[in-house]
Amino acid sequence: MVGFLKVTPEYISHFAENVAAPERCSKPVIARLSGYALGVGLEIALACDFRIASETTQVGLPEMRLGMIPGSGGTQRIARMAGLGRAMDMILRAQRIPAEEARSWGLLTEVVPISELDTRVDALVDELLAFSPLAYRVGKQALHTSMEVPLSAGLTMEGRMYGFLRTTEDFREGVRAFKEKRRPRFQGK
């Protein structure tokens, strides 16, 4: 903790860029949560594509108790995912939110019994591996961009991405597999 206090404001103000790495990753990123996901741990999880938690998980941003606010995307992601009112209550009161409530707010993708957590994460990995890596990368980019641009710009970008994907070998393989009633074998091309 002492080292944390010695870091310069200029250095720490860029910490959010590192925490946002899961958003920039072109591949699916899954956060597996068990126990407490607090502070920057929750901020990292919120930057992931999917968050699967055990039913005993609690999430929170307790920085107010330290005379601080979340500094790695927590204020922005919670407000966008759960709404401003919930974000105000959670962050400004340093509330811990139980897993099922966090799921109902949109902060968690799924909540499962602890005994099923690893199995459910593995099943999601298998599910995601069945999709075209190109379509996943482009879809993820379109979704993240939707939070930053006006609807008209987002629709234009989505249309261009849709057009691009129609030119790929993965799309042709997907159509062939559909017609042949088999699983596609995507190559990322």
N, C-alpha and C. Protein backbone atom coordinates (compact mmCIF):
# COMPACT_ATOMS: atom_id res chain seq x y z
N MET A 1 0.82 -1.18 0.00
CA MET A 1 0.00 0.00 0.00
C MET A 1 0.87 1.25 0.00
N VAL A 2 2.02 1.21 0.66
CA VAL A 2 2.89 2.38 0.72
C VAL A 2 3.36 2.75 -0.68
N GLY A 3 3.72 1.77 -1.50
CA GLY A 3 4.15 2.04 -2.86
C GLY A 3 3.07 2.73 -3.67
N PHE A 4 1.83 2.34 -3.43
CA PHE A 4 0.70 2.96 -4.12
C PHE A 4 0.62 4.45 -3.81
N LEU A 5 0.95 4.82 -2.60
CA LEU A 5 0.90 6.23 -2.20
C LEU A 5 2.03 7.05 -2.82
N LYS A 6 3.10 6.40 -3.23
CA LYS A 6 4.25 7.11 -3.80
C LYS A 6 4.13 7.34 -5.31
N VAL A 7 3.18 6.68 -5.96
CA VAL A 7 3.02 6.81 -7.41
C VAL A 7 2.53 8.22 -7.73
N THR A 8 3.10 8.81 -8.78
CA THR A 8 2.73 10.18 -9.16
C THR A 8 1.33 10.21 -9.78
N PRO A 9 0.63 11.33 -9.63
CA PRO A 9 -0.69 11.46 -10.26
C PRO A 9 -0.65 11.25 -11.77
N GLU A 10 0.40 11.70 -12.41
CA GLU A 10 0.53 11.52 -13.86
C GLU A 10 0.58 10.04 -14.22
N TYR A 11 1.31 9.25 -13.43
CA TYR A 11 1.43 7.82 -13.69
C TYR A 11 0.11 7.12 -13.44
N ILE A 12 -0.50 7.37 -12.31
CA ILE A 12 -1.70 6.65 -11.92
C ILE A 12 -2.90 7.03 -12.79
N SER A 13 -2.88 8.23 -13.37
CA SER A 13 -4.01 8.64 -14.21
C SER A 13 -4.11 7.79 -15.48
N HIS A 14 -3.06 7.07 -15.83
CA HIS A 14 -3.07 6.20 -17.01
C HIS A 14 -3.37 4.74 -16.66
N PHE A 15 -3.61 4.46 -15.39
CA PHE A 15 -3.88 3.10 -14.95
C PHE A 15 -5.09 2.51 -15.66
N ALA A 16 -6.08 3.35 -15.94
CA ALA A 16 -7.31 2.87 -16.60
C ALA A 16 -7.01 2.27 -17.98
N GLU A 17 -5.97 2.75 -18.64
CA GLU A 17 -5.61 2.19 -19.95
C GLU A 17 -5.23 0.72 -19.82
N ASN A 18 -4.50 0.37 -18.75
CA ASN A 18 -4.13 -1.03 -18.53
C ASN A 18 -5.34 -1.86 -18.15
N VAL A 19 -6.19 -1.31 -17.30
CA VAL A 19 -7.38 -2.02 -16.86
C VAL A 19 -8.31 -2.29 -18.04
N ALA A 20 -8.31 -1.43 -19.03
CA ALA A 20 -9.18 -1.58 -20.21
C ALA A 20 -8.64 -2.58 -21.23
N ALA A 21 -7.53 -3.22 -20.96
CA ALA A 21 -6.95 -4.17 -21.92
C ALA A 21 -7.94 -5.24 -22.38
N PRO A 22 -8.79 -5.80 -21.49
CA PRO A 22 -9.76 -6.79 -21.98
C PRO A 22 -10.70 -6.25 -23.06
N GLU A 23 -11.05 -4.98 -22.98
CA GLU A 23 -11.91 -4.39 -24.01
C GLU A 23 -11.20 -4.32 -25.35
N ARG A 24 -9.90 -4.07 -25.32
CA ARG A 24 -9.14 -3.93 -26.57
C ARG A 24 -8.77 -5.29 -27.16
N CYS A 25 -8.83 -6.33 -26.38
CA CYS A 25 -8.46 -7.66 -26.87
C CYS A 25 -9.45 -8.10 -27.94
N SER A 26 -8.95 -8.62 -29.04
CA SER A 26 -9.84 -9.03 -30.13
C SER A 26 -10.54 -10.35 -29.85
N LYS A 27 -10.09 -11.05 -28.84
CA LYS A 27 -10.68 -12.35 -28.48
C LYS A 27 -11.62 -12.19 -27.30
N PRO A 28 -12.53 -13.14 -27.11
CA PRO A 28 -13.43 -13.07 -25.96
C PRO A 28 -12.64 -13.12 -24.65
N VAL A 29 -13.03 -12.30 -23.70
CA VAL A 29 -12.39 -12.28 -22.39
C VAL A 29 -13.48 -12.53 -21.35
N ILE A 30 -13.26 -13.56 -20.53
CA ILE A 30 -14.23 -13.96 -19.52
C ILE A 30 -13.63 -13.74 -18.14
N ALA A 31 -14.38 -13.05 -17.28
CA ALA A 31 -13.97 -12.90 -15.89
C ALA A 31 -14.70 -13.97 -15.08
N ARG A 32 -13.97 -14.73 -14.31
CA ARG A 32 -14.52 -15.75 -13.41
C ARG A 32 -14.42 -15.17 -12.00
N LEU A 33 -15.56 -14.91 -11.38
CA LEU A 33 -15.57 -14.21 -10.09
C LEU A 33 -16.07 -15.11 -8.98
N SER A 34 -15.32 -15.11 -7.89
CA SER A 34 -15.70 -15.87 -6.71
C SER A 34 -15.25 -15.08 -5.50
N GLY A 35 -16.10 -14.98 -4.51
CA GLY A 35 -15.73 -14.22 -3.31
C GLY A 35 -16.01 -12.74 -3.54
N TYR A 36 -15.01 -11.91 -3.26
CA TYR A 36 -15.17 -10.46 -3.39
C TYR A 36 -14.47 -9.97 -4.65
N ALA A 37 -15.18 -9.12 -5.42
CA ALA A 37 -14.59 -8.43 -6.56
C ALA A 37 -14.76 -6.94 -6.24
N LEU A 38 -13.73 -6.37 -5.66
CA LEU A 38 -13.80 -5.00 -5.16
C LEU A 38 -12.73 -4.13 -5.82
N GLY A 39 -13.02 -2.83 -5.91
CA GLY A 39 -12.03 -1.88 -6.42
C GLY A 39 -11.58 -2.22 -7.82
N VAL A 40 -10.28 -2.15 -8.01
CA VAL A 40 -9.73 -2.36 -9.35
C VAL A 40 -10.00 -3.78 -9.85
N GLY A 41 -10.16 -4.75 -8.95
CA GLY A 41 -10.52 -6.10 -9.38
C GLY A 41 -11.86 -6.11 -10.10
N LEU A 42 -12.83 -5.37 -9.56
CA LEU A 42 -14.12 -5.25 -10.24
C LEU A 42 -13.97 -4.45 -11.53
N GLU A 43 -13.16 -3.41 -11.51
CA GLU A 43 -12.97 -2.60 -12.72
C GLU A 43 -12.39 -3.43 -13.86
N ILE A 44 -11.47 -4.33 -13.55
CA ILE A 44 -10.93 -5.24 -14.58
C ILE A 44 -12.03 -6.15 -15.09
N ALA A 45 -12.81 -6.72 -14.18
CA ALA A 45 -13.90 -7.61 -14.58
C ALA A 45 -14.91 -6.89 -15.47
N LEU A 46 -15.22 -5.64 -15.15
CA LEU A 46 -16.19 -4.88 -15.94
C LEU A 46 -15.69 -4.61 -17.35
N ALA A 47 -14.38 -4.63 -17.56
CA ALA A 47 -13.81 -4.42 -18.89
C ALA A 47 -13.84 -5.70 -19.72
N CYS A 48 -14.18 -6.82 -19.09
CA CYS A 48 -14.25 -8.10 -19.80
C CYS A 48 -15.58 -8.22 -20.54
N ASP A 49 -15.63 -9.14 -21.48
CA ASP A 49 -16.83 -9.34 -22.28
C ASP A 49 -17.93 -10.07 -21.51
N PHE A 50 -17.53 -10.98 -20.67
CA PHE A 50 -18.46 -11.79 -19.90
C PHE A 50 -17.96 -11.88 -18.47
N ARG A 51 -18.89 -11.87 -17.52
CA ARG A 51 -18.55 -11.99 -16.10
C ARG A 51 -19.44 -13.06 -15.50
N ILE A 52 -18.83 -14.20 -15.18
CA ILE A 52 -19.57 -15.29 -14.56
C ILE A 52 -19.12 -15.36 -13.11
N ALA A 53 -20.10 -15.33 -12.20
CA ALA A 53 -19.79 -15.26 -10.77
C ALA A 53 -20.48 -16.37 -10.00
N SER A 54 -19.85 -16.75 -8.89
CA SER A 54 -20.51 -17.67 -7.98
C SER A 54 -21.59 -16.91 -7.23
N GLU A 55 -22.57 -17.64 -6.72
CA GLU A 55 -23.69 -17.00 -6.04
C GLU A 55 -23.29 -16.29 -4.76
N THR A 56 -22.11 -16.58 -4.24
CA THR A 56 -21.65 -15.91 -3.01
C THR A 56 -20.79 -14.68 -3.28
N THR A 57 -20.57 -14.37 -4.55
CA THR A 57 -19.74 -13.22 -4.92
C THR A 57 -20.42 -11.91 -4.50
N GLN A 58 -19.61 -10.97 -4.08
CA GLN A 58 -20.06 -9.60 -3.84
C GLN A 58 -19.15 -8.67 -4.63
N VAL A 59 -19.76 -7.65 -5.25
CA VAL A 59 -18.98 -6.69 -6.02
C VAL A 59 -19.14 -5.30 -5.41
N GLY A 60 -18.11 -4.49 -5.58
CA GLY A 60 -18.20 -3.15 -5.04
C GLY A 60 -17.00 -2.30 -5.39
N LEU A 61 -17.20 -1.01 -5.23
CA LEU A 61 -16.13 -0.03 -5.44
C LEU A 61 -16.03 0.79 -4.15
N PRO A 62 -15.18 0.34 -3.22
CA PRO A 62 -15.13 0.95 -1.89
C PRO A 62 -14.23 2.17 -1.77
N GLU A 63 -13.78 2.72 -2.87
CA GLU A 63 -12.79 3.80 -2.84
C GLU A 63 -13.22 5.00 -2.01
N MET A 64 -14.53 5.28 -1.91
CA MET A 64 -15.00 6.42 -1.10
C MET A 64 -14.55 6.30 0.35
N ARG A 65 -14.39 5.09 0.83
CA ARG A 65 -13.94 4.85 2.20
C ARG A 65 -12.48 5.28 2.40
N LEU A 66 -11.77 5.48 1.29
CA LEU A 66 -10.37 5.91 1.34
C LEU A 66 -10.22 7.39 0.95
N GLY A 67 -11.35 8.06 0.78
CA GLY A 67 -11.27 9.46 0.33
C GLY A 67 -10.93 9.56 -1.14
N MET A 68 -11.40 8.60 -1.92
CA MET A 68 -11.02 8.48 -3.33
C MET A 68 -12.26 8.06 -4.12
N ILE A 69 -12.15 8.08 -5.43
CA ILE A 69 -13.18 7.52 -6.30
C ILE A 69 -12.53 6.42 -7.13
N PRO A 70 -13.32 5.54 -7.74
CA PRO A 70 -12.74 4.57 -8.66
C PRO A 70 -12.01 5.31 -9.78
N GLY A 71 -10.83 4.85 -10.14
CA GLY A 71 -10.03 5.57 -11.12
C GLY A 71 -9.64 4.78 -12.34
N SER A 72 -10.23 3.59 -12.50
CA SER A 72 -9.85 2.76 -13.63
C SER A 72 -11.07 2.33 -14.44
N GLY A 73 -12.02 3.24 -14.54
CA GLY A 73 -13.19 3.00 -15.37
C GLY A 73 -14.45 2.65 -14.61
N GLY A 74 -14.38 2.50 -13.31
CA GLY A 74 -15.54 2.09 -12.53
C GLY A 74 -16.72 3.04 -12.64
N THR A 75 -16.47 4.34 -12.52
CA THR A 75 -17.59 5.29 -12.58
C THR A 75 -18.25 5.25 -13.96
N GLN A 76 -17.46 5.10 -15.00
CA GLN A 76 -17.99 5.12 -16.36
C GLN A 76 -18.71 3.83 -16.72
N ARG A 77 -18.10 2.69 -16.42
CA ARG A 77 -18.70 1.41 -16.79
C ARG A 77 -19.95 1.10 -15.97
N ILE A 78 -19.92 1.36 -14.67
CA ILE A 78 -21.10 1.08 -13.84
C ILE A 78 -22.27 1.93 -14.32
N ALA A 79 -22.05 3.22 -14.56
CA ALA A 79 -23.14 4.10 -15.01
C ALA A 79 -23.70 3.63 -16.35
N ARG A 80 -22.85 3.18 -17.25
CA ARG A 80 -23.33 2.73 -18.56
C ARG A 80 -24.05 1.39 -18.46
N MET A 81 -23.57 0.51 -17.61
CA MET A 81 -24.14 -0.83 -17.50
C MET A 81 -25.38 -0.88 -16.62
N ALA A 82 -25.37 -0.16 -15.53
CA ALA A 82 -26.43 -0.27 -14.54
C ALA A 82 -27.32 0.96 -14.45
N GLY A 83 -26.92 2.04 -15.07
CA GLY A 83 -27.67 3.29 -14.98
C GLY A 83 -27.06 4.22 -13.94
N LEU A 84 -27.29 5.50 -14.13
CA LEU A 84 -26.69 6.52 -13.28
C LEU A 84 -27.14 6.41 -11.83
N GLY A 85 -28.42 6.19 -11.59
CA GLY A 85 -28.92 6.11 -10.22
C GLY A 85 -28.28 4.98 -9.43
N ARG A 86 -28.19 3.82 -10.03
CA ARG A 86 -27.55 2.68 -9.35
C ARG A 86 -26.06 2.94 -9.15
N ALA A 87 -25.43 3.54 -10.15
CA ALA A 87 -24.00 3.85 -10.02
C ALA A 87 -23.77 4.83 -8.88
N MET A 88 -24.61 5.85 -8.77
CA MET A 88 -24.48 6.82 -7.68
C MET A 88 -24.60 6.12 -6.33
N ASP A 89 -25.60 5.28 -6.20
CA ASP A 89 -25.83 4.59 -4.93
C ASP A 89 -24.67 3.66 -4.60
N MET A 90 -24.25 2.89 -5.57
CA MET A 90 -23.18 1.91 -5.34
C MET A 90 -21.84 2.57 -5.04
N ILE A 91 -21.48 3.55 -5.85
CA ILE A 91 -20.15 4.15 -5.75
C ILE A 91 -20.08 5.19 -4.63
N LEU A 92 -21.03 6.10 -4.58
CA LEU A 92 -20.94 7.19 -3.61
C LEU A 92 -21.25 6.74 -2.18
N ARG A 93 -21.83 5.55 -2.03
CA ARG A 93 -22.06 4.99 -0.70
C ARG A 93 -21.14 3.80 -0.42
N ALA A 94 -20.25 3.48 -1.36
CA ALA A 94 -19.30 2.36 -1.22
C ALA A 94 -20.03 1.06 -0.89
N GLN A 95 -21.14 0.82 -1.59
CA GLN A 95 -21.97 -0.35 -1.34
C GLN A 95 -21.38 -1.61 -1.96
N ARG A 96 -21.50 -2.71 -1.24
CA ARG A 96 -21.21 -4.03 -1.81
C ARG A 96 -22.53 -4.60 -2.31
N ILE A 97 -22.51 -5.11 -3.53
CA ILE A 97 -23.73 -5.62 -4.16
C ILE A 97 -23.62 -7.13 -4.29
N PRO A 98 -24.60 -7.88 -3.76
CA PRO A 98 -24.59 -9.34 -3.90
C PRO A 98 -24.70 -9.75 -5.38
N ALA A 99 -24.18 -10.92 -5.70
CA ALA A 99 -24.07 -11.38 -7.08
C ALA A 99 -25.39 -11.34 -7.83
N GLU A 100 -26.45 -11.86 -7.26
CA GLU A 100 -27.71 -11.91 -8.00
C GLU A 100 -28.24 -10.51 -8.30
N GLU A 101 -28.08 -9.59 -7.36
CA GLU A 101 -28.50 -8.21 -7.61
C GLU A 101 -27.62 -7.58 -8.70
N ALA A 102 -26.32 -7.83 -8.63
CA ALA A 102 -25.41 -7.31 -9.66
C ALA A 102 -25.76 -7.86 -11.03
N ARG A 103 -26.20 -9.11 -11.08
CA ARG A 103 -26.63 -9.68 -12.36
C ARG A 103 -27.88 -8.97 -12.85
N SER A 104 -28.83 -8.71 -11.96
CA SER A 104 -30.06 -8.03 -12.38
C SER A 104 -29.78 -6.60 -12.83
N TRP A 105 -28.71 -5.99 -12.36
CA TRP A 105 -28.32 -4.65 -12.79
C TRP A 105 -27.59 -4.67 -14.14
N GLY A 106 -27.16 -5.84 -14.60
CA GLY A 106 -26.39 -5.92 -15.83
C GLY A 106 -24.89 -5.92 -15.63
N LEU A 107 -24.45 -6.02 -14.37
CA LEU A 107 -23.00 -6.02 -14.09
C LEU A 107 -22.39 -7.40 -14.24
N LEU A 108 -23.17 -8.44 -14.08
CA LEU A 108 -22.70 -9.81 -14.23
C LEU A 108 -23.51 -10.49 -15.32
N THR A 109 -22.85 -11.36 -16.07
CA THR A 109 -23.51 -12.09 -17.13
C THR A 109 -24.33 -13.24 -16.57
N GLU A 110 -23.73 -13.99 -15.66
CA GLU A 110 -24.39 -15.14 -15.06
C GLU A 110 -23.96 -15.29 -13.61
N VAL A 111 -24.82 -15.90 -12.82
CA VAL A 111 -24.51 -16.25 -11.44
C VAL A 111 -24.86 -17.73 -11.28
N VAL A 112 -23.89 -18.50 -10.80
CA VAL A 112 -24.09 -19.95 -10.65
C VAL A 112 -23.58 -20.39 -9.28
N PRO A 113 -24.02 -21.56 -8.83
CA PRO A 113 -23.45 -22.08 -7.59
C PRO A 113 -21.93 -22.26 -7.73
N ILE A 114 -21.21 -22.07 -6.65
CA ILE A 114 -19.74 -22.18 -6.68
C ILE A 114 -19.30 -23.51 -7.25
N SER A 115 -20.04 -24.57 -6.97
CA SER A 115 -19.67 -25.90 -7.45
C SER A 115 -19.77 -26.02 -8.96
N GLU A 116 -20.51 -25.11 -9.61
CA GLU A 116 -20.69 -25.16 -11.07
C GLU A 116 -19.90 -24.08 -11.81
N LEU A 117 -19.15 -23.25 -11.07
CA LEU A 117 -18.50 -22.09 -11.68
C LEU A 117 -17.51 -22.48 -12.77
N ASP A 118 -16.60 -23.37 -12.48
CA ASP A 118 -15.60 -23.76 -13.49
C ASP A 118 -16.25 -24.43 -14.69
N THR A 119 -17.23 -25.28 -14.45
CA THR A 119 -17.92 -25.97 -15.54
C THR A 119 -18.63 -24.97 -16.44
N ARG A 120 -19.25 -23.95 -15.85
CA ARG A 120 -19.97 -22.96 -16.64
C ARG A 120 -19.02 -22.08 -17.45
N VAL A 121 -17.88 -21.72 -16.85
CA VAL A 121 -16.88 -20.94 -17.58
C VAL A 121 -16.35 -21.77 -18.74
N ASP A 122 -16.04 -23.02 -18.50
CA ASP A 122 -15.55 -23.90 -19.58
C ASP A 122 -16.59 -24.04 -20.69
N ALA A 123 -17.86 -24.16 -20.33
CA ALA A 123 -18.92 -24.28 -21.33
C ALA A 123 -19.02 -23.01 -22.17
N LEU A 124 -18.86 -21.85 -21.55
CA LEU A 124 -18.88 -20.59 -22.30
C LEU A 124 -17.70 -20.52 -23.26
N VAL A 125 -16.54 -20.94 -22.80
CA VAL A 125 -15.36 -20.97 -23.68
C VAL A 125 -15.65 -21.83 -24.90
N ASP A 126 -16.19 -23.02 -24.68
CA ASP A 126 -16.50 -23.92 -25.80
C ASP A 126 -17.52 -23.29 -26.75
N GLU A 127 -18.53 -22.63 -26.19
CA GLU A 127 -19.54 -21.96 -27.00
C GLU A 127 -18.92 -20.88 -27.87
N LEU A 128 -18.05 -20.07 -27.30
CA LEU A 128 -17.44 -18.96 -28.03
C LEU A 128 -16.46 -19.44 -29.09
N LEU A 129 -15.80 -20.57 -28.84
CA LEU A 129 -14.86 -21.11 -29.82
C LEU A 129 -15.54 -21.56 -31.11
N ALA A 130 -16.85 -21.74 -31.07
CA ALA A 130 -17.58 -22.16 -32.26
C ALA A 130 -17.82 -21.02 -33.24
N PHE A 131 -17.59 -19.78 -32.83
CA PHE A 131 -17.86 -18.63 -33.69
C PHE A 131 -16.63 -18.22 -34.49
N SER A 132 -16.89 -17.51 -35.58
CA SER A 132 -15.81 -16.97 -36.40
C SER A 132 -15.02 -15.94 -35.60
N PRO A 133 -13.70 -16.10 -35.52
CA PRO A 133 -12.90 -15.09 -34.81
C PRO A 133 -13.00 -13.71 -35.45
N LEU A 134 -13.17 -13.66 -36.77
CA LEU A 134 -13.33 -12.36 -37.44
C LEU A 134 -14.64 -11.70 -37.03
N ALA A 135 -15.72 -12.47 -37.06
CA ALA A 135 -17.02 -11.91 -36.69
C ALA A 135 -17.01 -11.48 -35.23
N TYR A 136 -16.35 -12.25 -34.39
CA TYR A 136 -16.29 -11.88 -32.97
C TYR A 136 -15.56 -10.55 -32.80
N ARG A 137 -14.40 -10.44 -33.44
CA ARG A 137 -13.60 -9.22 -33.31
C ARG A 137 -14.37 -7.99 -33.82
N VAL A 138 -15.01 -8.13 -34.97
CA VAL A 138 -15.74 -7.02 -35.55
C VAL A 138 -16.98 -6.69 -34.71
N GLY A 139 -17.68 -7.72 -34.25
CA GLY A 139 -18.85 -7.50 -33.41
C GLY A 139 -18.51 -6.80 -32.11
N LYS A 140 -17.42 -7.23 -31.50
CA LYS A 140 -16.97 -6.60 -30.26
C LYS A 140 -16.62 -5.13 -30.50
N GLN A 141 -15.96 -4.85 -31.59
CA GLN A 141 -15.61 -3.46 -31.92
C GLN A 141 -16.87 -2.62 -32.14
N ALA A 142 -17.84 -3.17 -32.84
CA ALA A 142 -19.08 -2.45 -33.10
C ALA A 142 -19.82 -2.15 -31.80
N LEU A 143 -19.87 -3.11 -30.91
CA LEU A 143 -20.57 -2.91 -29.64
C LEU A 143 -19.89 -1.85 -28.77
N HIS A 144 -18.58 -1.89 -28.69
CA HIS A 144 -17.87 -0.88 -27.89
C HIS A 144 -18.02 0.51 -28.51
N THR A 145 -17.97 0.57 -29.83
CA THR A 145 -18.12 1.86 -30.50
C THR A 145 -19.52 2.44 -30.27
N SER A 146 -20.51 1.56 -30.14
CA SER A 146 -21.89 2.04 -29.95
C SER A 146 -22.04 2.89 -28.70
N MET A 147 -21.15 2.72 -27.75
CA MET A 147 -21.22 3.50 -26.52
C MET A 147 -20.56 4.87 -26.67
N GLU A 148 -19.91 5.12 -27.79
CA GLU A 148 -19.12 6.34 -27.93
C GLU A 148 -19.55 7.26 -29.07
N VAL A 149 -20.38 6.77 -29.99
CA VAL A 149 -20.74 7.58 -31.15
C VAL A 149 -22.25 7.74 -31.24
N PRO A 150 -22.71 8.75 -31.98
CA PRO A 150 -24.15 8.89 -32.21
C PRO A 150 -24.70 7.69 -32.98
N LEU A 151 -25.99 7.44 -32.85
CA LEU A 151 -26.62 6.29 -33.50
C LEU A 151 -26.35 6.28 -35.00
N SER A 152 -26.44 7.41 -35.66
CA SER A 152 -26.26 7.45 -37.12
C SER A 152 -24.85 6.99 -37.50
N ALA A 153 -23.85 7.41 -36.76
CA ALA A 153 -22.47 6.98 -37.04
C ALA A 153 -22.30 5.50 -36.74
N GLY A 154 -22.92 5.04 -35.67
CA GLY A 154 -22.84 3.62 -35.32
C GLY A 154 -23.49 2.75 -36.38
N LEU A 155 -24.63 3.18 -36.90
CA LEU A 155 -25.31 2.41 -37.93
C LEU A 155 -24.48 2.36 -39.21
N THR A 156 -23.83 3.46 -39.55
CA THR A 156 -22.97 3.48 -40.74
C THR A 156 -21.80 2.52 -40.56
N MET A 157 -21.17 2.59 -39.40
CA MET A 157 -20.04 1.70 -39.13
C MET A 157 -20.49 0.24 -39.14
N GLU A 158 -21.62 -0.05 -38.50
CA GLU A 158 -22.13 -1.42 -38.48
C GLU A 158 -22.38 -1.93 -39.90
N GLY A 159 -22.97 -1.10 -40.74
CA GLY A 159 -23.23 -1.50 -42.12
C GLY A 159 -21.95 -1.83 -42.87
N ARG A 160 -20.92 -1.03 -42.66
CA ARG A 160 -19.64 -1.30 -43.32
C ARG A 160 -19.01 -2.60 -42.80
N MET A 161 -19.12 -2.81 -41.50
CA MET A 161 -18.58 -4.05 -40.92
C MET A 161 -19.35 -5.26 -41.45
N TYR A 162 -20.65 -5.13 -41.55
CA TYR A 162 -21.49 -6.19 -42.08
C TYR A 162 -21.08 -6.51 -43.52
N GLY A 163 -20.91 -5.46 -44.31
CA GLY A 163 -20.47 -5.65 -45.69
C GLY A 163 -19.12 -6.33 -45.77
N PHE A 164 -18.18 -5.91 -44.92
CA PHE A 164 -16.86 -6.53 -44.90
C PHE A 164 -16.95 -8.02 -44.58
N LEU A 165 -17.71 -8.36 -43.55
CA LEU A 165 -17.78 -9.77 -43.13
C LEU A 165 -18.39 -10.65 -44.22
N ARG A 166 -19.26 -10.09 -45.04
CA ARG A 166 -19.86 -10.87 -46.13
C ARG A 166 -18.83 -11.26 -47.19
N THR A 167 -17.67 -10.61 -47.20
CA THR A 167 -16.63 -10.92 -48.18
C THR A 167 -15.64 -11.96 -47.67
N THR A 168 -15.81 -12.43 -46.45
CA THR A 168 -14.80 -13.32 -45.85
C THR A 168 -15.07 -14.79 -46.12
N GLU A 169 -14.01 -15.55 -46.04
CA GLU A 169 -14.13 -16.99 -46.17
C GLU A 169 -14.95 -17.57 -45.01
N ASP A 170 -14.82 -17.00 -43.82
CA ASP A 170 -15.61 -17.48 -42.68
C ASP A 170 -17.10 -17.37 -42.97
N PHE A 171 -17.53 -16.28 -43.59
CA PHE A 171 -18.95 -16.13 -43.92
C PHE A 171 -19.38 -17.20 -44.92
N ARG A 172 -18.56 -17.41 -45.95
CA ARG A 172 -18.90 -18.43 -46.95
C ARG A 172 -18.97 -19.81 -46.28
N GLU A 173 -18.03 -20.09 -45.38
CA GLU A 173 -18.03 -21.37 -44.66
C GLU A 173 -19.29 -21.48 -43.78
N GLY A 174 -19.67 -20.39 -43.13
CA GLY A 174 -20.87 -20.40 -42.30
C GLY A 174 -22.12 -20.72 -43.10
N VAL A 175 -22.25 -20.13 -44.29
CA VAL A 175 -23.40 -20.38 -45.15
C VAL A 175 -23.38 -21.83 -45.64
N ARG A 176 -22.19 -22.31 -46.07
CA ARG A 176 -22.09 -23.71 -46.53
C ARG A 176 -22.48 -24.67 -45.40
N ALA A 177 -21.96 -24.41 -44.21
CA ALA A 177 -22.26 -25.30 -43.08
C ALA A 177 -23.76 -25.28 -42.76
N PHE A 178 -24.38 -24.12 -42.84
CA PHE A 178 -25.82 -24.02 -42.59
C PHE A 178 -26.59 -24.87 -43.61
N LYS A 179 -26.23 -24.73 -44.89
CA LYS A 179 -26.91 -25.48 -45.94
C LYS A 179 -26.69 -26.99 -45.78
N GLU A 180 -25.48 -27.36 -45.35
CA GLU A 180 -25.13 -28.78 -45.21
C GLU A 180 -25.51 -29.34 -43.84
N LYS A 181 -26.11 -28.50 -42.99
CA LYS A 181 -26.55 -28.91 -41.66
C LYS A 181 -25.41 -29.51 -40.83
N ARG A 182 -24.30 -28.77 -40.78
CA ARG A 182 -23.14 -29.18 -39.99
C ARG A 182 -22.56 -27.96 -39.29
N ARG A 183 -21.67 -28.21 -38.35
CA ARG A 183 -21.00 -27.10 -37.66
C ARG A 183 -19.96 -26.47 -38.58
N PRO A 184 -19.88 -25.17 -38.61
CA PRO A 184 -18.86 -24.53 -39.46
C PRO A 184 -17.47 -24.72 -38.87
N ARG A 185 -16.50 -24.71 -39.78
CA ARG A 185 -15.09 -24.78 -39.36
C ARG A 185 -14.45 -23.46 -39.78
N PHE A 186 -14.54 -22.49 -38.89
CA PHE A 186 -14.02 -21.16 -39.17
C PHE A 186 -12.51 -21.12 -39.08
N GLN A 187 -11.90 -20.35 -39.97
CA GLN A 187 -10.44 -20.23 -40.02
C GLN A 187 -9.95 -18.83 -39.69
N GLY A 188 -10.85 -17.91 -39.48
CA GLY A 188 -10.43 -16.52 -39.21
C GLY A 188 -9.96 -15.81 -40.47
N LYS A 189 -10.51 -16.19 -41.60
CA LYS A 189 -10.12 -15.60 -42.89
C LYS A 189 -11.34 -15.05 -43.60
